[in-house]
Amino acid sequence: MALKTFNPTSAGRRHLIQVDRSSLFKGKPIKSLVEGLNKSGGRSNTGRITSRRKGGGHKVAYRLIDFKRIKHDMPAVVERLEYDPNRTGFIALIKYTDGTLSYILAPQRLAVGDSVISSAGTVDVKPGNAMPIGSVPVGTIVHNIETKPGSGGSLSRAAGTYAMVAGRDGAYVIIKLKSGETRMVASNCMASVGAVSNQDHINEVVGKAGRARWKGSRPVSRGIARNPVDHPNGGRTNGGKHWSTPWGKPTKGYKTRTNKSTTKFIVRSRHDRKKSG
């Protein structure tokens, strides 16, 4: 995918950079593979804002993506590539030999008419194919990786992301993530070959605040721009205080990981990479 720039016919288009999506399908998604999606506006079940800076946004329908790839040993043909407003990468509509339709994450270099297959054993190492990560050769690029067998892929699902199979350790496979983290995954966890499509997403420039509002983002007020009574970082005389949240918790590098049950699978943290760099 190429990037599109625009003539500065207005202030909002002067710096606008978008991904050229002209090759994607322009119609509506498959109705049977779509569900309604209610917006929370960042509010919990009590009606109070628990996630700031969210609200509004265009109405969208949720596309049901097959993250598990459990329809094994049945070839499928890519019918079309589509845009998904719920994620940064593109999705692909595939049709199995028995006529079943399904959406999957579209990897890079996957084209209309290509054949993909999922298996519990070993399949060809080509973009879109899925198999247990223990069957993937060392050095292969994969995405949509499960952390628990049968739970569906949860790692490397954003645009342009991937993980590399770095080695094996008994019943586990060592993978290196895009963030720099190295971790272990059970050998029977499914993974798809290739990197996620739309790698130029990182180079997009929104161009104007209104487009951010279309996406459901609300304005952000910096703490340093507030008064001392409104934020710990407010005012111009901070006296060397560390950056913090409005509630006084440290931020900008402060580790907030609470789930310790999976920490044992991390071989090298992404934070260690940043310190050594």
C-alpha atoms as a PDB file:
ATOM      1  CA  MET A   1       0.000   0.000   0.000  1.00  0.00           C
ATOM      2  CA  ALA A   2       1.199   3.476  -0.904  1.00  0.00           C
ATOM      3  CA  LEU A   3       0.729   6.728   0.975  1.00  0.00           C
ATOM      4  CA  LYS A   4      -1.422   9.579  -0.344  1.00  0.00           C
ATOM      5  CA  THR A   5      -0.698  13.269   0.134  1.00  0.00           C
ATOM      6  CA  PHE A   6      -3.049  16.108  -0.742  1.00  0.00           C
ATOM      7  CA  ASN A   7      -2.880  19.626  -2.069  1.00  0.00           C
ATOM      8  CA  PRO A   8      -3.281  22.221   0.720  1.00  0.00           C
ATOM      9  CA  THR A   9      -6.779  23.331  -0.303  1.00  0.00           C
ATOM     10  CA  SER A  10      -7.537  23.739   3.414  1.00  0.00           C
ATOM     11  CA  ALA A  11      -5.644  23.702   6.699  1.00  0.00           C
ATOM     12  CA  GLY A  12      -6.937  20.219   7.429  1.00  0.00           C
ATOM     13  CA  ARG A  13      -5.558  18.788   4.179  1.00  0.00           C
ATOM     14  CA  ARG A  14      -2.191  20.521   4.239  1.00  0.00           C
ATOM     15  CA  HIS A  15      -0.495  17.877   6.406  1.00  0.00           C
ATOM     16  CA  LEU A  16      -2.921  15.014   5.770  1.00  0.00           C
ATOM     17  CA  ILE A  17      -1.274  11.708   4.858  1.00  0.00           C
ATOM     18  CA  GLN A  18      -3.426   8.640   4.300  1.00  0.00           C
ATOM     19  CA  VAL A  19      -2.925   5.064   3.165  1.00  0.00           C
ATOM     20  CA  ASP A  20      -4.125   4.432  -0.369  1.00  0.00           C
ATOM     21  CA  ARG A  21      -6.977   1.939   0.021  1.00  0.00           C
ATOM     22  CA  SER A  22      -8.130   1.987  -3.603  1.00  0.00           C
ATOM     23  CA  SER A  23      -7.313  -1.719  -4.023  1.00  0.00           C
ATOM     24  CA  LEU A  24      -9.642  -2.751  -1.185  1.00  0.00           C
ATOM     25  CA  PHE A  25     -13.246  -3.882  -1.599  1.00  0.00           C
ATOM     26  CA  LYS A  26     -15.586  -0.879  -1.605  1.00  0.00           C
ATOM     27  CA  GLY A  27     -18.893  -2.547  -0.706  1.00  0.00           C
ATOM     28  CA  LYS A  28     -20.481  -3.518   2.582  1.00  0.00           C
ATOM     29  CA  PRO A  29     -19.235  -6.449   4.701  1.00  0.00           C
ATOM     30  CA  ILE A  30     -20.913  -9.858   4.787  1.00  0.00           C
ATOM     31  CA  LYS A  31     -24.014  -9.390   6.952  1.00  0.00           C
ATOM     32  CA  SER A  32     -23.742 -12.791   8.641  1.00  0.00           C
ATOM     33  CA  LEU A  33     -20.201 -11.936   9.768  1.00  0.00           C
ATOM     34  CA  VAL A  34     -21.162  -8.611  11.343  1.00  0.00           C
ATOM     35  CA  GLU A  35     -22.472  -7.678  14.782  1.00  0.00           C
ATOM     36  CA  GLY A  36     -23.709  -4.416  16.240  1.00  0.00           C
ATOM     37  CA  LEU A  37     -21.262  -2.494  18.394  1.00  0.00           C
ATOM     38  CA  ASN A  38     -22.348  -0.208  21.216  1.00  0.00           C
ATOM     39  CA  LYS A  39     -20.086   2.623  22.307  1.00  0.00           C
ATOM     40  CA  SER A  40     -19.218   3.035  25.980  1.00  0.00           C
ATOM     41  CA  GLY A  41     -17.870   6.572  25.755  1.00  0.00           C
ATOM     42  CA  GLY A  42     -15.170   5.473  28.185  1.00  0.00           C
ATOM     43  CA  ARG A  43     -17.782   4.875  30.917  1.00  0.00           C
ATOM     44  CA  SER A  44     -18.177   1.862  33.173  1.00  0.00           C
ATOM     45  CA  ASN A  45     -21.429   0.113  34.131  1.00  0.00           C
ATOM     46  CA  THR A  46     -21.975   2.799  36.783  1.00  0.00           C
ATOM     47  CA  GLY A  47     -21.920   5.544  34.157  1.00  0.00           C
ATOM     48  CA  ARG A  48     -18.706   7.132  35.341  1.00  0.00           C
ATOM     49  CA  ILE A  49     -15.763   7.860  33.056  1.00  0.00           C
ATOM     50  CA  THR A  50     -13.069   5.248  33.691  1.00  0.00           C
ATOM     51  CA  SER A  51     -11.161   5.733  30.436  1.00  0.00           C
ATOM     52  CA  ARG A  52     -10.606   9.369  29.561  1.00  0.00           C
ATOM     53  CA  ARG A  53     -10.473  11.021  26.148  1.00  0.00           C
ATOM     54  CA  LYS A  54     -13.056   8.774  24.494  1.00  0.00           C
ATOM     55  CA  GLY A  55     -16.452   9.622  23.062  1.00  0.00           C
ATOM     56  CA  GLY A  56     -18.385  10.283  19.894  1.00  0.00           C
ATOM     57  CA  GLY A  57     -17.066   8.767  16.719  1.00  0.00           C
ATOM     58  CA  HIS A  58     -18.759   7.380  13.653  1.00  0.00           C
ATOM     59  CA  LYS A  59     -21.103   4.429  13.979  1.00  0.00           C
ATOM     60  CA  VAL A  60     -19.324   1.174  13.088  1.00  0.00           C
ATOM     61  CA  ALA A  61     -20.241  -2.496  12.800  1.00  0.00           C
ATOM     62  CA  TYR A  62     -17.999  -5.135  14.305  1.00  0.00           C
ATOM     63  CA  ARG A  63     -16.572  -7.697  11.889  1.00  0.00           C
ATOM     64  CA  LEU A  64     -16.308 -11.192  13.382  1.00  0.00           C
ATOM     65  CA  ILE A  65     -12.686 -12.222  12.823  1.00  0.00           C
ATOM     66  CA  ASP A  66     -11.577 -15.847  13.030  1.00  0.00           C
ATOM     67  CA  PHE A  67      -8.609 -15.569  15.389  1.00  0.00           C
ATOM     68  CA  LYS A  68      -8.634 -19.290  16.242  1.00  0.00           C
ATOM     69  CA  ARG A  69      -8.314 -20.762  12.711  1.00  0.00           C
ATOM     70  CA  ILE A  70      -9.736 -24.108  13.903  1.00  0.00           C
ATOM     71  CA  LYS A  71     -11.174 -25.163  10.513  1.00  0.00           C
ATOM     72  CA  HIS A  72      -8.258 -27.475   9.829  1.00  0.00           C
ATOM     73  CA  ASP A  73      -7.063 -29.139   6.633  1.00  0.00           C
ATOM     74  CA  MET A  74      -9.612 -27.390   4.419  1.00  0.00           C
ATOM     75  CA  PRO A  75      -8.256 -24.989   1.781  1.00  0.00           C
ATOM     76  CA  ALA A  76      -9.832 -21.562   1.422  1.00  0.00           C
ATOM     77  CA  VAL A  77      -9.589 -18.953  -1.329  1.00  0.00           C
ATOM     78  CA  VAL A  78      -9.240 -15.229  -0.644  1.00  0.00           C
ATOM     79  CA  GLU A  79     -12.365 -13.588  -2.063  1.00  0.00           C
ATOM     80  CA  ARG A  80     -11.466  -9.985  -1.284  1.00  0.00           C
ATOM     81  CA  LEU A  81      -9.513  -7.684   1.018  1.00  0.00           C
ATOM     82  CA  GLU A  82     -11.476  -5.224   3.148  1.00  0.00           C
ATOM     83  CA  TYR A  83     -11.012  -2.256   5.441  1.00  0.00           C
ATOM     84  CA  ASP A  84     -11.986  -2.816   9.072  1.00  0.00           C
ATOM     85  CA  PRO A  85     -12.787   0.275  11.167  1.00  0.00           C
ATOM     86  CA  ASN A  86     -12.205  -1.708  14.367  1.00  0.00           C
ATOM     87  CA  ARG A  87      -8.491  -2.414  13.775  1.00  0.00           C
ATOM     88  CA  THR A  88      -5.458  -0.919  12.083  1.00  0.00           C
ATOM     89  CA  GLY A  89      -4.705  -3.851   9.781  1.00  0.00           C
ATOM     90  CA  PHE A  90      -6.823  -4.993   6.856  1.00  0.00           C
ATOM     91  CA  ILE A  91      -8.948  -8.139   6.834  1.00  0.00           C
ATOM     92  CA  ALA A  92      -9.488 -10.806   4.190  1.00  0.00           C
ATOM     93  CA  LEU A  93     -12.706 -12.599   3.317  1.00  0.00           C
ATOM     94  CA  ILE A  94     -11.958 -16.269   2.636  1.00  0.00           C
ATOM     95  CA  LYS A  95     -14.217 -18.977   1.245  1.00  0.00           C
ATOM     96  CA  TYR A  96     -13.648 -22.605   2.190  1.00  0.00           C
ATOM     97  CA  THR A  97     -14.272 -25.490  -0.192  1.00  0.00           C
ATOM     98  CA  ASP A  98     -17.518 -26.287   1.625  1.00  0.00           C
ATOM     99  CA  GLY A  99     -18.799 -22.755   0.949  1.00  0.00           C
ATOM    100  CA  THR A 100     -18.224 -21.331   4.437  1.00  0.00           C
ATOM    101  CA  LEU A 101     -17.201 -17.670   4.567  1.00  0.00           C
ATOM    102  CA  SER A 102     -14.901 -16.240   7.197  1.00  0.00           C
ATOM    103  CA  TYR A 103     -12.855 -13.141   7.970  1.00  0.00           C
ATOM    104  CA  ILE A 104      -9.175 -13.421   8.905  1.00  0.00           C
ATOM    105  CA  LEU A 105      -6.422 -10.893   9.493  1.00  0.00           C
ATOM    106  CA  ALA A 106      -4.832 -10.119   6.129  1.00  0.00           C
ATOM    107  CA  PRO A 107      -1.046 -10.540   6.158  1.00  0.00           C
ATOM    108  CA  GLN A 108       1.300  -8.660   3.857  1.00  0.00           C
ATOM    109  CA  ARG A 109       1.592  -9.992   0.291  1.00  0.00           C
ATOM    110  CA  LEU A 110      -1.763 -11.793   0.488  1.00  0.00           C
ATOM    111  CA  ALA A 111      -3.750 -11.180  -2.720  1.00  0.00           C
ATOM    112  CA  VAL A 112      -7.205 -11.965  -4.028  1.00  0.00           C
ATOM    113  CA  GLY A 113      -7.305 -15.504  -5.402  1.00  0.00           C
ATOM    114  CA  ASP A 114      -4.583 -16.842  -3.114  1.00  0.00           C
ATOM    115  CA  SER A 115      -5.195 -20.078  -1.247  1.00  0.00           C
ATOM    116  CA  VAL A 116      -4.759 -20.350   2.537  1.00  0.00           C
ATOM    117  CA  ILE A 117      -5.063 -23.327   4.864  1.00  0.00           C
ATOM    118  CA  SER A 118      -4.952 -24.052   8.579  1.00  0.00           C
ATOM    119  CA  SER A 119      -3.770 -27.336  10.054  1.00  0.00           C
ATOM    120  CA  ALA A 120      -2.976 -28.968  13.371  1.00  0.00           C
ATOM    121  CA  GLY A 121       0.153 -30.393  11.749  1.00  0.00           C
ATOM    122  CA  THR A 122       2.501 -28.746   9.281  1.00  0.00           C
ATOM    123  CA  VAL A 123       1.584 -26.664   6.209  1.00  0.00           C
ATOM    124  CA  ASP A 124       3.514 -24.628   3.664  1.00  0.00           C
ATOM    125  CA  VAL A 125       5.222 -21.542   5.060  1.00  0.00           C
ATOM    126  CA  LYS A 126       3.318 -18.931   3.043  1.00  0.00           C
ATOM    127  CA  PRO A 127       1.393 -15.814   4.126  1.00  0.00           C
ATOM    128  CA  GLY A 128      -2.016 -16.570   5.608  1.00  0.00           C
ATOM    129  CA  ASN A 129      -1.412 -20.225   6.477  1.00  0.00           C
ATOM    130  CA  ALA A 130      -1.850 -21.199  10.135  1.00  0.00           C
ATOM    131  CA  MET A 131      -0.356 -24.024  12.174  1.00  0.00           C
ATOM    132  CA  PRO A 132       0.919 -24.732  15.707  1.00  0.00           C
ATOM    133  CA  ILE A 133       3.858 -22.479  16.406  1.00  0.00           C
ATOM    134  CA  GLY A 134       5.910 -25.558  17.293  1.00  0.00           C
ATOM    135  CA  SER A 135       5.685 -26.616  13.634  1.00  0.00           C
ATOM    136  CA  VAL A 136       6.931 -23.249  12.331  1.00  0.00           C
ATOM    137  CA  PRO A 137      10.609 -23.242  11.262  1.00  0.00           C
ATOM    138  CA  VAL A 138      13.007 -21.121  13.295  1.00  0.00           C
ATOM    139  CA  GLY A 139      13.454 -17.663  11.793  1.00  0.00           C
ATOM    140  CA  THR A 140       9.931 -17.475  10.338  1.00  0.00           C
ATOM    141  CA  ILE A 141       7.827 -14.330  10.710  1.00  0.00           C
ATOM    142  CA  VAL A 142       4.396 -15.001  12.282  1.00  0.00           C
ATOM    143  CA  HIS A 143       1.394 -13.051  13.588  1.00  0.00           C
ATOM    144  CA  ASN A 144      -1.925 -13.673  15.392  1.00  0.00           C
ATOM    145  CA  ILE A 145      -0.217 -15.845  18.020  1.00  0.00           C
ATOM    146  CA  GLU A 146      -2.102 -17.606  20.797  1.00  0.00           C
ATOM    147  CA  THR A 147      -0.844 -17.453  24.375  1.00  0.00           C
ATOM    148  CA  LYS A 148      -3.161 -20.261  25.497  1.00  0.00           C
ATOM    149  CA  PRO A 149      -4.056 -23.171  23.168  1.00  0.00           C
ATOM    150  CA  GLY A 150      -7.528 -22.702  21.693  1.00  0.00           C
ATOM    151  CA  SER A 151      -8.049 -19.193  23.057  1.00  0.00           C
ATOM    152  CA  GLY A 152      -7.466 -17.417  19.735  1.00  0.00           C
ATOM    153  CA  GLY A 153      -4.591 -15.231  18.633  1.00  0.00           C
ATOM    154  CA  SER A 154      -3.795 -12.283  20.878  1.00  0.00           C
ATOM    155  CA  LEU A 155      -0.204 -11.304  20.017  1.00  0.00           C
ATOM    156  CA  SER A 156       0.940  -9.367  16.922  1.00  0.00           C
ATOM    157  CA  ARG A 157      -2.449  -8.355  15.553  1.00  0.00           C
ATOM    158  CA  ALA A 158      -1.928  -4.636  14.856  1.00  0.00           C
ATOM    159  CA  ALA A 159      -0.948  -3.207  11.472  1.00  0.00           C
ATOM    160  CA  GLY A 160       2.603  -4.069  10.418  1.00  0.00           C
ATOM    161  CA  THR A 161       3.376  -6.128  13.516  1.00  0.00           C
ATOM    162  CA  TYR A 162       4.929  -9.579  13.604  1.00  0.00           C
ATOM    163  CA  ALA A 163       6.977 -11.884  15.792  1.00  0.00           C
ATOM    164  CA  MET A 164       9.975 -13.986  14.852  1.00  0.00           C
ATOM    165  CA  VAL A 165      10.376 -17.590  15.938  1.00  0.00           C
ATOM    166  CA  ALA A 166      13.759 -17.427  17.662  1.00  0.00           C
ATOM    167  CA  GLY A 167      14.160 -20.970  18.972  1.00  0.00           C
ATOM    168  CA  ARG A 168      12.706 -23.873  20.926  1.00  0.00           C
ATOM    169  CA  ASP A 169      12.918 -24.844  24.572  1.00  0.00           C
ATOM    170  CA  GLY A 170      11.273 -28.193  25.285  1.00  0.00           C
ATOM    171  CA  ALA A 171       7.496 -27.839  25.092  1.00  0.00           C
ATOM    172  CA  TYR A 172       7.818 -24.104  24.425  1.00  0.00           C
ATOM    173  CA  VAL A 173       8.805 -21.899  21.503  1.00  0.00           C
ATOM    174  CA  ILE A 174      10.798 -18.714  22.015  1.00  0.00           C
ATOM    175  CA  ILE A 175       9.514 -15.739  20.019  1.00  0.00           C
ATOM    176  CA  LYS A 176      10.778 -12.194  19.707  1.00  0.00           C
ATOM    177  CA  LEU A 177       8.035  -9.575  19.492  1.00  0.00           C
ATOM    178  CA  LYS A 178       8.097  -6.287  17.619  1.00  0.00           C
ATOM    179  CA  SER A 179       8.377  -4.416  20.932  1.00  0.00           C
ATOM    180  CA  GLY A 180      11.696  -6.142  21.648  1.00  0.00           C
ATOM    181  CA  GLU A 181      10.234  -8.494  24.244  1.00  0.00           C
ATOM    182  CA  THR A 182      11.363 -12.111  24.075  1.00  0.00           C
ATOM    183  CA  ARG A 183       8.939 -14.638  25.528  1.00  0.00           C
ATOM    184  CA  MET A 184       7.977 -18.299  25.518  1.00  0.00           C
ATOM    185  CA  VAL A 185       4.771 -19.691  24.019  1.00  0.00           C
ATOM    186  CA  ALA A 186       3.481 -23.263  24.238  1.00  0.00           C
ATOM    187  CA  SER A 187       4.286 -25.299  21.136  1.00  0.00           C
ATOM    188  CA  ASN A 188       0.624 -26.205  20.513  1.00  0.00           C
ATOM    189  CA  CYS A 189      -0.501 -22.567  20.274  1.00  0.00           C
ATOM    190  CA  MET A 190      -1.652 -21.573  16.786  1.00  0.00           C
ATOM    191  CA  ALA A 191       0.103 -18.871  14.765  1.00  0.00           C
ATOM    192  CA  SER A 192      -0.306 -17.488  11.247  1.00  0.00           C
ATOM    193  CA  VAL A 193       2.574 -17.019   8.835  1.00  0.00           C
ATOM    194  CA  GLY A 194       3.565 -13.503   7.754  1.00  0.00           C
ATOM    195  CA  ALA A 195       3.322  -9.959   9.080  1.00  0.00           C
ATOM    196  CA  VAL A 196       0.042  -8.064   9.450  1.00  0.00           C
ATOM    197  CA  SER A 197      -0.923  -5.883   6.486  1.00  0.00           C
ATOM    198  CA  ASN A 198      -1.087  -2.067   6.293  1.00  0.00           C
ATOM    199  CA  GLN A 199       2.479  -1.537   7.481  1.00  0.00           C
ATOM    200  CA  ASP A 200       2.266   2.130   6.421  1.00  0.00           C
ATOM    201  CA  HIS A 201      -0.356   2.836   9.094  1.00  0.00           C
ATOM    202  CA  ILE A 202       2.377   4.233  11.351  1.00  0.00           C
ATOM    203  CA  ASN A 203       3.125   6.936   8.743  1.00  0.00           C
ATOM    204  CA  GLU A 204      -0.435   8.247   8.572  1.00  0.00           C
ATOM    205  CA  VAL A 205      -1.074  11.846   9.663  1.00  0.00           C
ATOM    206  CA  VAL A 206      -4.602  12.618  10.861  1.00  0.00           C
ATOM    207  CA  GLY A 207      -4.399  16.191   9.560  1.00  0.00           C
ATOM    208  CA  LYS A 208      -7.069  17.801  11.727  1.00  0.00           C
ATOM    209  CA  ALA A 209      -8.746  17.410  15.090  1.00  0.00           C
ATOM    210  CA  GLY A 210     -12.087  16.667  13.454  1.00  0.00           C
ATOM    211  CA  ARG A 211     -10.802  13.432  11.958  1.00  0.00           C
ATOM    212  CA  ALA A 212      -9.701  12.313  15.425  1.00  0.00           C
ATOM    213  CA  ARG A 213     -13.251  12.984  16.633  1.00  0.00           C
ATOM    214  CA  TRP A 214     -14.599  10.794  13.797  1.00  0.00           C
ATOM    215  CA  LYS A 215     -12.477   7.996  15.245  1.00  0.00           C
ATOM    216  CA  GLY A 216     -13.889   8.483  18.739  1.00  0.00           C
ATOM    217  CA  SER A 217     -11.022  10.424  20.323  1.00  0.00           C
ATOM    218  CA  ARG A 218     -11.696  13.509  22.430  1.00  0.00           C
ATOM    219  CA  PRO A 219      -9.298  16.391  23.187  1.00  0.00           C
ATOM    220  CA  VAL A 220      -6.374  15.930  25.563  1.00  0.00           C
ATOM    221  CA  SER A 221      -5.413  18.587  28.101  1.00  0.00           C
ATOM    222  CA  ARG A 222      -1.780  18.285  29.169  1.00  0.00           C
ATOM    223  CA  GLY A 223      -1.098  18.260  32.889  1.00  0.00           C
ATOM    224  CA  ILE A 224       1.639  20.911  32.619  1.00  0.00           C
ATOM    225  CA  ALA A 225      -0.888  23.254  30.979  1.00  0.00           C
ATOM    226  CA  ARG A 226      -3.260  23.101  33.957  1.00  0.00           C
ATOM    227  CA  ASN A 227      -3.271  24.904  37.267  1.00  0.00           C
ATOM    228  CA  PRO A 228      -1.599  23.330  40.329  1.00  0.00           C
ATOM    229  CA  VAL A 229      -5.009  22.774  41.912  1.00  0.00           C
ATOM    230  CA  ASP A 230      -6.136  20.686  38.915  1.00  0.00           C
ATOM    231  CA  HIS A 231      -3.126  18.438  38.322  1.00  0.00           C
ATOM    232  CA  PRO A 232       0.069  17.398  40.177  1.00  0.00           C
ATOM    233  CA  ASN A 233       2.122  18.631  37.208  1.00  0.00           C
ATOM    234  CA  GLY A 234       0.159  21.887  36.923  1.00  0.00           C
ATOM    235  CA  GLY A 235       1.868  25.236  37.061  1.00  0.00           C
ATOM    236  CA  ARG A 236       5.306  26.260  35.866  1.00  0.00           C
ATOM    237  CA  THR A 237       7.176  25.677  39.133  1.00  0.00           C
ATOM    238  CA  ASN A 238       7.226  21.911  39.455  1.00  0.00           C
ATOM    239  CA  GLY A 239      10.430  21.777  41.445  1.00  0.00           C
ATOM    240  CA  GLY A 240      11.709  18.660  39.710  1.00  0.00           C
ATOM    241  CA  LYS A 241       8.661  16.528  40.489  1.00  0.00           C
ATOM    242  CA  HIS A 242       8.358  13.364  38.424  1.00  0.00           C
ATOM    243  CA  TRP A 243       5.601  13.262  35.800  1.00  0.00           C
ATOM    244  CA  SER A 244       2.412  11.777  37.202  1.00  0.00           C
ATOM    245  CA  THR A 245      -1.230  11.095  36.482  1.00  0.00           C
ATOM    246  CA  PRO A 246      -3.993  13.418  37.737  1.00  0.00           C
ATOM    247  CA  TRP A 247      -4.246  11.105  40.767  1.00  0.00           C
ATOM    248  CA  GLY A 248      -0.559  11.296  41.684  1.00  0.00           C
ATOM    249  CA  LYS A 249       0.589   7.939  40.293  1.00  0.00           C
ATOM    250  CA  PRO A 250       3.991   8.028  38.535  1.00  0.00           C
ATOM    251  CA  THR A 251       3.953   7.815  34.746  1.00  0.00           C
ATOM    252  CA  LYS A 252       6.339   8.008  31.773  1.00  0.00           C
ATOM    253  CA  GLY A 253       8.195   4.759  32.369  1.00  0.00           C
ATOM    254  CA  TYR A 254       6.480   3.598  35.565  1.00  0.00           C
ATOM    255  CA  LYS A 255       5.696  -0.118  35.299  1.00  0.00           C
ATOM    256  CA  THR A 256       2.012  -0.843  35.861  1.00  0.00           C
ATOM    257  CA  ARG A 257       1.859  -4.564  35.068  1.00  0.00           C
ATOM    258  CA  THR A 258      -0.541  -6.269  37.491  1.00  0.00           C
ATOM    259  CA  ASN A 259      -0.929  -9.738  35.945  1.00  0.00           C
ATOM    260  CA  LYS A 260       2.047 -11.663  37.307  1.00  0.00           C
ATOM    261  CA  SER A 261       0.822 -15.095  36.176  1.00  0.00           C
ATOM    262  CA  THR A 262       2.391 -14.794  32.717  1.00  0.00           C
ATOM    263  CA  THR A 263       5.552 -12.965  33.761  1.00  0.00           C
ATOM    264  CA  LYS A 264       7.384 -16.291  34.046  1.00  0.00           C
ATOM    265  CA  PHE A 265       7.105 -16.721  30.268  1.00  0.00           C
ATOM    266  CA  ILE A 266       8.951 -13.465  29.570  1.00  0.00           C
ATOM    267  CA  VAL A 267      12.604 -14.206  28.798  1.00  0.00           C
ATOM    268  CA  ARG A 268      13.607 -10.608  28.188  1.00  0.00           C
ATOM    269  CA  SER A 269      11.421  -7.596  28.888  1.00  0.00           C
ATOM    270  CA  ARG A 270      10.905  -4.831  26.393  1.00  0.00           C
ATOM    271  CA  HIS A 271      11.943  -2.389  29.138  1.00  0.00           C
ATOM    272  CA  ASP A 272      15.354  -4.066  29.410  1.00  0.00           C
ATOM    273  CA  ARG A 273      15.841  -3.434  25.686  1.00  0.00           C
ATOM    274  CA  LYS A 274      15.220   0.279  26.105  1.00  0.00           C
ATOM    275  CA  LYS A 275      17.659   0.539  29.013  1.00  0.00           C
ATOM    276  CA  SER A 276      20.440  -1.212  27.119  1.00  0.00           C
ATOM    277  CA  GLY A 277      19.839   0.880  23.995  1.00  0.00           C
END
